[in-house]
Amino acid sequence: MKECVRLAGLLCCGMSFILLVAMGLDKRRARADRRRVPERTLFLLALLFGAPGGLLGMYAFRHKTKHWYFVLGFWLLAAVQLGALGYFAYRTM
């Protein structure tokens, strides 16, 4: 069970990093008036355990912070994902 929690934590870190990079890339493309990363893709990455990185990217790059559905959605997803990781980590101690 500890291995599962460790793998879930690594998955969360990896997906968070990918979403952080995607948010930065999307912001850069928005400023350059180039083809953007679709919002659907950003939300999909957040659903796949990347919400903490998405939150970090939102505020680090000041990107998508005016879209209420991004702010609310990413906060809720991050709370659920980190809460679940914390719960399972606590249960396996």
C-alpha atoms as a PDB file:
ATOM      1  CA  MET A   1       0.000   0.000   0.000  1.00  0.00           C
ATOM      2  CA  LYS A   2       2.890   2.388   0.735  1.00  0.00           C
ATOM      3  CA  GLU A   3       4.140   1.883  -2.804  1.00  0.00           C
ATOM      4  CA  CYS A   4       0.737   2.876  -4.195  1.00  0.00           C
ATOM      5  CA  VAL A   5       0.766   6.091  -2.171  1.00  0.00           C
ATOM      6  CA  ARG A   6       4.322   6.814  -3.280  1.00  0.00           C
ATOM      7  CA  LEU A   7       3.409   6.221  -6.925  1.00  0.00           C
ATOM      8  CA  ALA A   8       0.313   8.419  -6.596  1.00  0.00           C
ATOM      9  CA  GLY A   9       2.479  11.168  -5.119  1.00  0.00           C
ATOM     10  CA  LEU A  10       4.967  10.884  -7.966  1.00  0.00           C
ATOM     11  CA  LEU A  11       2.102  10.934 -10.485  1.00  0.00           C
ATOM     12  CA  CYS A  12       0.727  14.080  -8.867  1.00  0.00           C
ATOM     13  CA  CYS A  13       4.150  15.758  -8.936  1.00  0.00           C
ATOM     14  CA  GLY A  14       4.786  14.781 -12.543  1.00  0.00           C
ATOM     15  CA  MET A  15       1.384  15.840 -13.826  1.00  0.00           C
ATOM     16  CA  SER A  16       1.604  19.056 -11.818  1.00  0.00           C
ATOM     17  CA  PHE A  17       4.917  19.861 -13.474  1.00  0.00           C
ATOM     18  CA  ILE A  18       3.475  19.140 -16.926  1.00  0.00           C
ATOM     19  CA  LEU A  19       0.476  21.391 -16.268  1.00  0.00           C
ATOM     20  CA  LEU A  20       2.709  24.138 -14.846  1.00  0.00           C
ATOM     21  CA  VAL A  21       4.746  24.078 -18.064  1.00  0.00           C
ATOM     22  CA  ALA A  22       1.554  24.001 -20.176  1.00  0.00           C
ATOM     23  CA  MET A  23       0.192  27.058 -18.351  1.00  0.00           C
ATOM     24  CA  GLY A  24       3.453  28.938 -18.948  1.00  0.00           C
ATOM     25  CA  LEU A  25       3.480  27.915 -22.586  1.00  0.00           C
ATOM     26  CA  ASP A  26      -0.135  28.993 -23.048  1.00  0.00           C
ATOM     27  CA  LYS A  27       0.583  32.380 -21.453  1.00  0.00           C
ATOM     28  CA  ARG A  28       3.595  32.883 -23.716  1.00  0.00           C
ATOM     29  CA  ARG A  29       1.550  31.967 -26.777  1.00  0.00           C
ATOM     30  CA  ALA A  30      -1.277  34.280 -25.692  1.00  0.00           C
ATOM     31  CA  ARG A  31       1.100  37.221 -25.488  1.00  0.00           C
ATOM     32  CA  ALA A  32       2.572  36.397 -28.900  1.00  0.00           C
ATOM     33  CA  ASP A  33      -0.907  35.989 -30.428  1.00  0.00           C
ATOM     34  CA  ARG A  34      -0.106  32.417 -31.481  1.00  0.00           C
ATOM     35  CA  ARG A  35      -2.059  29.166 -31.371  1.00  0.00           C
ATOM     36  CA  ARG A  36      -3.049  28.426 -27.768  1.00  0.00           C
ATOM     37  CA  VAL A  37      -3.279  25.329 -25.597  1.00  0.00           C
ATOM     38  CA  PRO A  38      -7.001  24.451 -25.527  1.00  0.00           C
ATOM     39  CA  GLU A  39      -8.794  25.022 -22.214  1.00  0.00           C
ATOM     40  CA  ARG A  40     -10.074  21.461 -22.439  1.00  0.00           C
ATOM     41  CA  THR A  41      -6.487  20.188 -22.423  1.00  0.00           C
ATOM     42  CA  LEU A  42      -5.608  22.282 -19.384  1.00  0.00           C
ATOM     43  CA  PHE A  43      -8.618  20.937 -17.493  1.00  0.00           C
ATOM     44  CA  LEU A  44      -7.840  17.367 -18.563  1.00  0.00           C
ATOM     45  CA  LEU A  45      -4.311  17.672 -17.190  1.00  0.00           C
ATOM     46  CA  ALA A  46      -5.760  19.081 -13.969  1.00  0.00           C
ATOM     47  CA  LEU A  47      -8.154  16.140 -13.696  1.00  0.00           C
ATOM     48  CA  LEU A  48      -5.255  13.736 -14.177  1.00  0.00           C
ATOM     49  CA  PHE A  49      -3.724  14.782 -10.842  1.00  0.00           C
ATOM     50  CA  GLY A  50      -2.110  17.997 -12.094  1.00  0.00           C
ATOM     51  CA  ALA A  51      -4.327  20.539 -10.329  1.00  0.00           C
ATOM     52  CA  PRO A  52      -1.703  21.639  -7.760  1.00  0.00           C
ATOM     53  CA  GLY A  53       0.694  22.536 -10.571  1.00  0.00           C
ATOM     54  CA  GLY A  54      -2.123  24.239 -12.435  1.00  0.00           C
ATOM     55  CA  LEU A  55      -2.806  26.450  -9.438  1.00  0.00           C
ATOM     56  CA  LEU A  56       0.862  27.284  -9.167  1.00  0.00           C
ATOM     57  CA  GLY A  57       0.982  28.081 -12.881  1.00  0.00           C
ATOM     58  CA  MET A  58      -2.160  30.183 -12.707  1.00  0.00           C
ATOM     59  CA  TYR A  59      -0.734  32.477 -10.079  1.00  0.00           C
ATOM     60  CA  ALA A  60       2.941  32.364 -11.127  1.00  0.00           C
ATOM     61  CA  PHE A  61       2.131  33.377 -14.699  1.00  0.00           C
ATOM     62  CA  ARG A  62      -1.054  35.336 -13.829  1.00  0.00           C
ATOM     63  CA  HIS A  63      -2.853  33.212 -16.358  1.00  0.00           C
ATOM     64  CA  LYS A  64      -6.559  32.281 -16.398  1.00  0.00           C
ATOM     65  CA  THR A  65      -7.103  33.944 -13.018  1.00  0.00           C
ATOM     66  CA  LYS A  66     -10.013  36.015 -14.344  1.00  0.00           C
ATOM     67  CA  HIS A  67     -11.894  32.898 -15.464  1.00  0.00           C
ATOM     68  CA  TRP A  68     -13.973  31.904 -12.442  1.00  0.00           C
ATOM     69  CA  TYR A  69     -14.375  28.328 -13.662  1.00  0.00           C
ATOM     70  CA  PHE A  70     -10.598  27.864 -13.793  1.00  0.00           C
ATOM     71  CA  VAL A  71     -10.034  29.353 -10.356  1.00  0.00           C
ATOM     72  CA  LEU A  72     -12.864  27.428  -8.713  1.00  0.00           C
ATOM     73  CA  GLY A  73     -12.237  24.214 -10.650  1.00  0.00           C
ATOM     74  CA  PHE A  74      -8.498  24.107 -10.024  1.00  0.00           C
ATOM     75  CA  TRP A  75      -8.897  24.918  -6.303  1.00  0.00           C
ATOM     76  CA  LEU A  76     -11.517  22.187  -5.875  1.00  0.00           C
ATOM     77  CA  LEU A  77      -9.512  19.621  -7.827  1.00  0.00           C
ATOM     78  CA  ALA A  78      -6.319  20.446  -5.942  1.00  0.00           C
ATOM     79  CA  ALA A  79      -8.101  20.171  -2.593  1.00  0.00           C
ATOM     80  CA  VAL A  80      -9.569  16.784  -3.501  1.00  0.00           C
ATOM     81  CA  GLN A  81      -6.323  15.445  -4.954  1.00  0.00           C
ATOM     82  CA  LEU A  82      -4.084  16.609  -2.122  1.00  0.00           C
ATOM     83  CA  GLY A  83      -6.679  15.600   0.452  1.00  0.00           C
ATOM     84  CA  ALA A  84      -6.878  12.097  -0.995  1.00  0.00           C
ATOM     85  CA  LEU A  85      -3.077  11.790  -1.055  1.00  0.00           C
ATOM     86  CA  GLY A  86      -2.849  12.989   2.521  1.00  0.00           C
ATOM     87  CA  TYR A  87      -5.611  10.631   3.648  1.00  0.00           C
ATOM     88  CA  PHE A  88      -4.028   7.581   2.045  1.00  0.00           C
ATOM     89  CA  ALA A  89      -0.571   8.546   3.285  1.00  0.00           C
ATOM     90  CA  TYR A  90      -1.947   8.864   6.808  1.00  0.00           C
ATOM     91  CA  ARG A  91      -3.764   5.515   6.555  1.00  0.00           C
ATOM     92  CA  THR A  92      -0.587   3.688   5.505  1.00  0.00           C
ATOM     93  CA  MET A  93       1.577   5.000   8.367  1.00  0.00           C
END
